[in-house]
């Protein structure tokens, strides 16, 4: 509910003193979350998956920012590889 993935049947979710249902974009830009079993679209490359999820969250990143994030986690040069492919990290 705090991410807007499901909605309350009663009451209201407030984050940072704001009602979530009226301020989702403003709130989501300030928080992060890890889904228990995060999933990506296996048929899309890493950068397109991250671009899509940045748009869904309302915290849109340009492709240079996305590539910088992938670099940060050790995936330099893997931007256009489908996420299903496994790589060997040394």
N, C-alpha and C. Protein backbone atom coordinates (compact mmCIF):
# COMPACT_ATOMS: atom_id res chain seq x y z
N UNK A 1 0.82 -1.19 0.00
CA UNK A 1 0.00 0.00 0.00
C UNK A 1 0.86 1.25 0.00
N UNK A 2 2.02 1.17 0.65
CA UNK A 2 2.87 2.35 0.74
C UNK A 2 3.53 2.69 -0.59
N UNK A 3 3.45 1.78 -1.55
CA UNK A 3 4.00 2.04 -2.88
C UNK A 3 2.92 2.21 -3.93
N UNK A 4 1.67 2.06 -3.54
CA UNK A 4 0.58 2.18 -4.49
C UNK A 4 0.37 0.93 -5.33
N UNK A 5 0.93 -0.20 -4.88
CA UNK A 5 0.75 -1.45 -5.64
C UNK A 5 -0.59 -2.10 -5.33
N UNK A 6 -1.07 -1.90 -4.11
CA UNK A 6 -2.42 -2.31 -3.72
C UNK A 6 -3.04 -1.14 -2.97
N UNK A 7 -4.34 -1.15 -2.87
CA UNK A 7 -5.04 0.00 -2.28
C UNK A 7 -5.81 -0.41 -1.04
N UNK A 8 -5.88 0.46 -0.04
CA UNK A 8 -6.61 0.13 1.18
C UNK A 8 -8.11 0.03 0.93
N UNK A 9 -8.75 -0.89 1.66
CA UNK A 9 -10.20 -0.99 1.56
C UNK A 9 -10.87 -0.07 2.58
N UNK A 10 -10.09 0.37 3.58
CA UNK A 10 -10.56 1.32 4.59
C UNK A 10 -9.40 2.22 4.95
N UNK A 11 -9.71 3.40 5.40
CA UNK A 11 -8.68 4.30 5.90
C UNK A 11 -7.86 4.93 4.80
N UNK A 12 -6.73 5.48 5.22
CA UNK A 12 -5.88 6.23 4.30
C UNK A 12 -4.43 6.03 4.68
N UNK A 13 -3.57 5.92 3.67
CA UNK A 13 -2.13 5.81 3.90
C UNK A 13 -1.53 7.20 3.81
N UNK A 14 -0.83 7.61 4.88
CA UNK A 14 -0.15 8.91 4.89
C UNK A 14 1.36 8.67 5.01
N UNK A 15 2.11 9.32 4.16
CA UNK A 15 3.57 9.24 4.20
C UNK A 15 4.09 10.66 4.14
N UNK A 16 5.02 10.98 5.03
CA UNK A 16 5.53 12.35 5.16
C UNK A 16 4.40 13.34 5.44
N UNK A 17 3.37 12.85 6.12
CA UNK A 17 2.24 13.71 6.46
C UNK A 17 1.30 14.00 5.30
N UNK A 18 1.51 13.32 4.17
CA UNK A 18 0.68 13.54 2.98
C UNK A 18 -0.14 12.29 2.68
N UNK A 19 -1.40 12.46 2.28
CA UNK A 19 -2.18 11.29 1.87
C UNK A 19 -1.64 10.74 0.55
N UNK A 20 -1.29 9.46 0.56
CA UNK A 20 -0.67 8.86 -0.62
C UNK A 20 -1.56 8.94 -1.85
N UNK A 21 -2.85 8.68 -1.69
CA UNK A 21 -3.72 8.62 -2.87
C UNK A 21 -3.83 9.96 -3.60
N UNK A 22 -3.47 11.07 -2.96
CA UNK A 22 -3.52 12.37 -3.63
C UNK A 22 -2.14 12.91 -4.01
N UNK A 23 -1.07 12.24 -3.55
CA UNK A 23 0.30 12.73 -3.79
C UNK A 23 1.27 11.62 -4.16
N UNK A 24 0.88 10.63 -4.96
CA UNK A 24 1.78 9.50 -5.20
C UNK A 24 3.11 9.89 -5.84
N UNK A 25 3.11 10.74 -6.83
CA UNK A 25 4.37 11.11 -7.50
C UNK A 25 5.33 11.81 -6.55
N UNK A 26 4.82 12.74 -5.79
CA UNK A 26 5.65 13.49 -4.84
C UNK A 26 6.26 12.56 -3.80
N UNK A 27 5.47 11.62 -3.30
CA UNK A 27 5.94 10.70 -2.26
C UNK A 27 6.91 9.68 -2.83
N UNK A 28 6.58 9.07 -3.96
CA UNK A 28 7.43 8.03 -4.53
C UNK A 28 8.81 8.54 -4.91
N UNK A 29 8.94 9.82 -5.22
CA UNK A 29 10.24 10.39 -5.54
C UNK A 29 11.16 10.43 -4.33
N UNK A 30 10.60 10.29 -3.14
CA UNK A 30 11.38 10.42 -1.91
C UNK A 30 11.64 9.10 -1.20
N UNK A 31 11.09 8.01 -1.71
CA UNK A 31 11.27 6.73 -1.02
C UNK A 31 11.81 5.68 -1.97
N UNK A 32 12.28 4.62 -1.42
CA UNK A 32 12.74 3.47 -2.19
C UNK A 32 12.21 2.22 -1.54
N UNK A 33 12.19 1.15 -2.28
CA UNK A 33 11.69 -0.11 -1.75
C UNK A 33 12.30 -1.26 -2.53
N UNK A 34 12.38 -2.38 -1.88
CA UNK A 34 12.81 -3.60 -2.55
C UNK A 34 11.66 -4.58 -2.43
N UNK A 35 11.16 -5.01 -3.56
CA UNK A 35 10.09 -5.99 -3.59
C UNK A 35 10.69 -7.34 -3.22
N UNK A 36 9.95 -8.15 -2.50
CA UNK A 36 10.47 -9.44 -2.02
C UNK A 36 11.08 -10.27 -3.13
N UNK A 37 10.42 -10.37 -4.25
CA UNK A 37 10.96 -11.09 -5.40
C UNK A 37 10.92 -10.15 -6.60
N UNK A 38 11.91 -9.29 -6.71
CA UNK A 38 11.90 -8.36 -7.83
C UNK A 38 12.00 -9.12 -9.15
N UNK A 39 11.29 -8.66 -10.11
CA UNK A 39 11.30 -9.31 -11.41
C UNK A 39 11.49 -8.27 -12.50
N UNK A 40 12.17 -8.69 -13.55
CA UNK A 40 12.36 -7.85 -14.71
C UNK A 40 11.75 -8.55 -15.91
N UNK A 41 11.57 -7.83 -16.98
CA UNK A 41 11.11 -8.45 -18.22
C UNK A 41 12.32 -9.07 -18.90
N UNK A 42 12.33 -10.41 -18.98
CA UNK A 42 13.48 -11.13 -19.51
C UNK A 42 13.78 -10.81 -20.97
N UNK A 43 12.79 -10.38 -21.71
CA UNK A 43 12.98 -10.11 -23.13
C UNK A 43 13.49 -8.69 -23.39
N UNK A 44 13.59 -7.87 -22.33
CA UNK A 44 14.11 -6.51 -22.48
C UNK A 44 15.52 -6.42 -21.93
N UNK A 45 16.34 -5.54 -22.51
CA UNK A 45 17.68 -5.33 -21.96
C UNK A 45 17.62 -4.55 -20.64
N UNK A 46 18.71 -4.59 -19.91
CA UNK A 46 18.78 -3.97 -18.58
C UNK A 46 18.37 -2.51 -18.60
N UNK A 47 18.90 -1.73 -19.55
CA UNK A 47 18.58 -0.30 -19.54
C UNK A 47 17.12 -0.03 -19.83
N UNK A 48 16.50 -0.82 -20.68
CA UNK A 48 15.08 -0.61 -20.98
C UNK A 48 14.19 -1.01 -19.79
N UNK A 49 14.57 -2.07 -19.07
CA UNK A 49 13.85 -2.44 -17.85
C UNK A 49 13.89 -1.30 -16.84
N UNK A 50 15.07 -0.76 -16.61
CA UNK A 50 15.21 0.32 -15.62
C UNK A 50 14.49 1.59 -16.08
N UNK A 51 14.53 1.88 -17.36
CA UNK A 51 13.81 3.04 -17.89
C UNK A 51 12.31 2.88 -17.65
N UNK A 52 11.79 1.70 -17.94
CA UNK A 52 10.37 1.42 -17.74
C UNK A 52 9.98 1.59 -16.28
N UNK A 53 10.76 1.01 -15.37
CA UNK A 53 10.41 1.09 -13.96
C UNK A 53 10.59 2.51 -13.41
N UNK A 54 11.50 3.28 -13.98
CA UNK A 54 11.63 4.67 -13.54
C UNK A 54 10.39 5.46 -13.97
N UNK A 55 9.84 5.14 -15.13
CA UNK A 55 8.63 5.82 -15.60
C UNK A 55 7.43 5.43 -14.75
N UNK A 56 7.33 4.15 -14.42
CA UNK A 56 6.22 3.67 -13.59
C UNK A 56 6.25 4.34 -12.22
N UNK A 57 7.43 4.50 -11.66
CA UNK A 57 7.55 5.07 -10.32
C UNK A 57 7.35 6.58 -10.30
N UNK A 58 7.38 7.21 -11.46
CA UNK A 58 7.25 8.66 -11.51
C UNK A 58 8.57 9.37 -11.26
N UNK A 59 9.65 8.62 -11.15
CA UNK A 59 10.98 9.17 -10.91
C UNK A 59 11.82 8.91 -12.16
N UNK A 60 11.43 9.55 -13.26
CA UNK A 60 12.00 9.26 -14.57
C UNK A 60 13.48 9.64 -14.65
N UNK A 61 14.26 8.69 -15.12
CA UNK A 61 15.71 8.90 -15.31
C UNK A 61 16.00 8.88 -16.80
N UNK A 62 16.97 9.70 -17.21
CA UNK A 62 17.36 9.62 -18.62
C UNK A 62 18.36 8.48 -18.78
N UNK A 63 18.63 8.11 -20.02
CA UNK A 63 19.43 6.93 -20.30
C UNK A 63 20.85 7.06 -19.76
N UNK A 64 21.39 8.26 -19.71
CA UNK A 64 22.74 8.45 -19.15
C UNK A 64 22.75 8.13 -17.65
N UNK A 65 21.71 8.55 -16.94
CA UNK A 65 21.62 8.24 -15.52
C UNK A 65 21.47 6.74 -15.30
N UNK A 66 20.69 6.09 -16.14
CA UNK A 66 20.50 4.65 -16.03
C UNK A 66 21.80 3.92 -16.29
N UNK A 67 22.54 4.33 -17.29
CA UNK A 67 23.84 3.71 -17.56
C UNK A 67 24.80 3.93 -16.41
N UNK A 68 24.78 5.09 -15.80
CA UNK A 68 25.64 5.37 -14.64
C UNK A 68 25.28 4.44 -13.47
N UNK A 69 23.98 4.18 -13.28
CA UNK A 69 23.56 3.26 -12.22
C UNK A 69 24.04 1.85 -12.50
N UNK A 70 23.94 1.42 -13.75
CA UNK A 70 24.42 0.08 -14.10
C UNK A 70 25.93 -0.01 -13.93
N UNK A 71 26.65 1.05 -14.28
CA UNK A 71 28.10 1.09 -14.05
C UNK A 71 28.40 0.95 -12.56
N UNK A 72 27.64 1.65 -11.74
CA UNK A 72 27.84 1.66 -10.29
C UNK A 72 27.74 0.26 -9.68
N UNK A 73 26.86 -0.57 -10.23
CA UNK A 73 26.69 -1.92 -9.70
C UNK A 73 27.51 -2.97 -10.47
N UNK A 74 28.47 -2.51 -11.27
CA UNK A 74 29.39 -3.42 -11.94
C UNK A 74 28.88 -4.00 -13.25
N UNK A 75 27.92 -3.37 -13.88
CA UNK A 75 27.38 -3.89 -15.14
C UNK A 75 27.73 -2.99 -16.32
N UNK A 76 28.96 -2.45 -16.30
CA UNK A 76 29.42 -1.61 -17.41
C UNK A 76 29.35 -2.42 -18.70
N UNK A 77 28.87 -1.78 -19.74
CA UNK A 77 28.85 -2.42 -21.05
C UNK A 77 27.77 -3.48 -21.20
N UNK A 78 26.94 -3.69 -20.19
CA UNK A 78 25.89 -4.71 -20.26
C UNK A 78 24.51 -4.09 -20.46
N UNK A 79 24.49 -2.82 -20.80
CA UNK A 79 23.24 -2.06 -20.88
C UNK A 79 22.21 -2.71 -21.81
N UNK A 80 22.68 -3.24 -22.93
CA UNK A 80 21.78 -3.74 -23.96
C UNK A 80 21.60 -5.25 -23.93
N UNK A 81 22.14 -5.89 -22.89
CA UNK A 81 21.98 -7.33 -22.76
C UNK A 81 20.68 -7.64 -22.03
N UNK A 82 19.99 -8.64 -22.49
CA UNK A 82 18.75 -9.04 -21.83
C UNK A 82 19.05 -9.49 -20.41
N UNK A 83 18.16 -9.20 -19.51
CA UNK A 83 18.43 -9.47 -18.09
C UNK A 83 18.49 -10.94 -17.77
N UNK A 84 17.92 -11.79 -18.59
CA UNK A 84 17.93 -13.22 -18.30
C UNK A 84 19.33 -13.82 -18.44
N UNK A 85 20.16 -13.22 -19.25
CA UNK A 85 21.51 -13.75 -19.45
C UNK A 85 22.30 -13.65 -18.16
N UNK A 86 23.02 -14.68 -17.84
CA UNK A 86 23.86 -14.68 -16.64
C UNK A 86 25.28 -14.31 -17.03
N UNK A 87 25.91 -13.54 -16.17
CA UNK A 87 27.31 -13.21 -16.43
C UNK A 87 28.12 -13.70 -15.25
N UNK A 88 29.33 -13.99 -15.52
CA UNK A 88 30.24 -14.47 -14.47
C UNK A 88 31.01 -13.28 -13.92
N UNK A 89 30.83 -12.99 -12.65
CA UNK A 89 31.54 -11.88 -12.01
C UNK A 89 32.82 -12.44 -11.40
N UNK A 90 33.93 -11.78 -11.64
CA UNK A 90 35.21 -12.24 -11.09
C UNK A 90 35.66 -11.32 -10.00
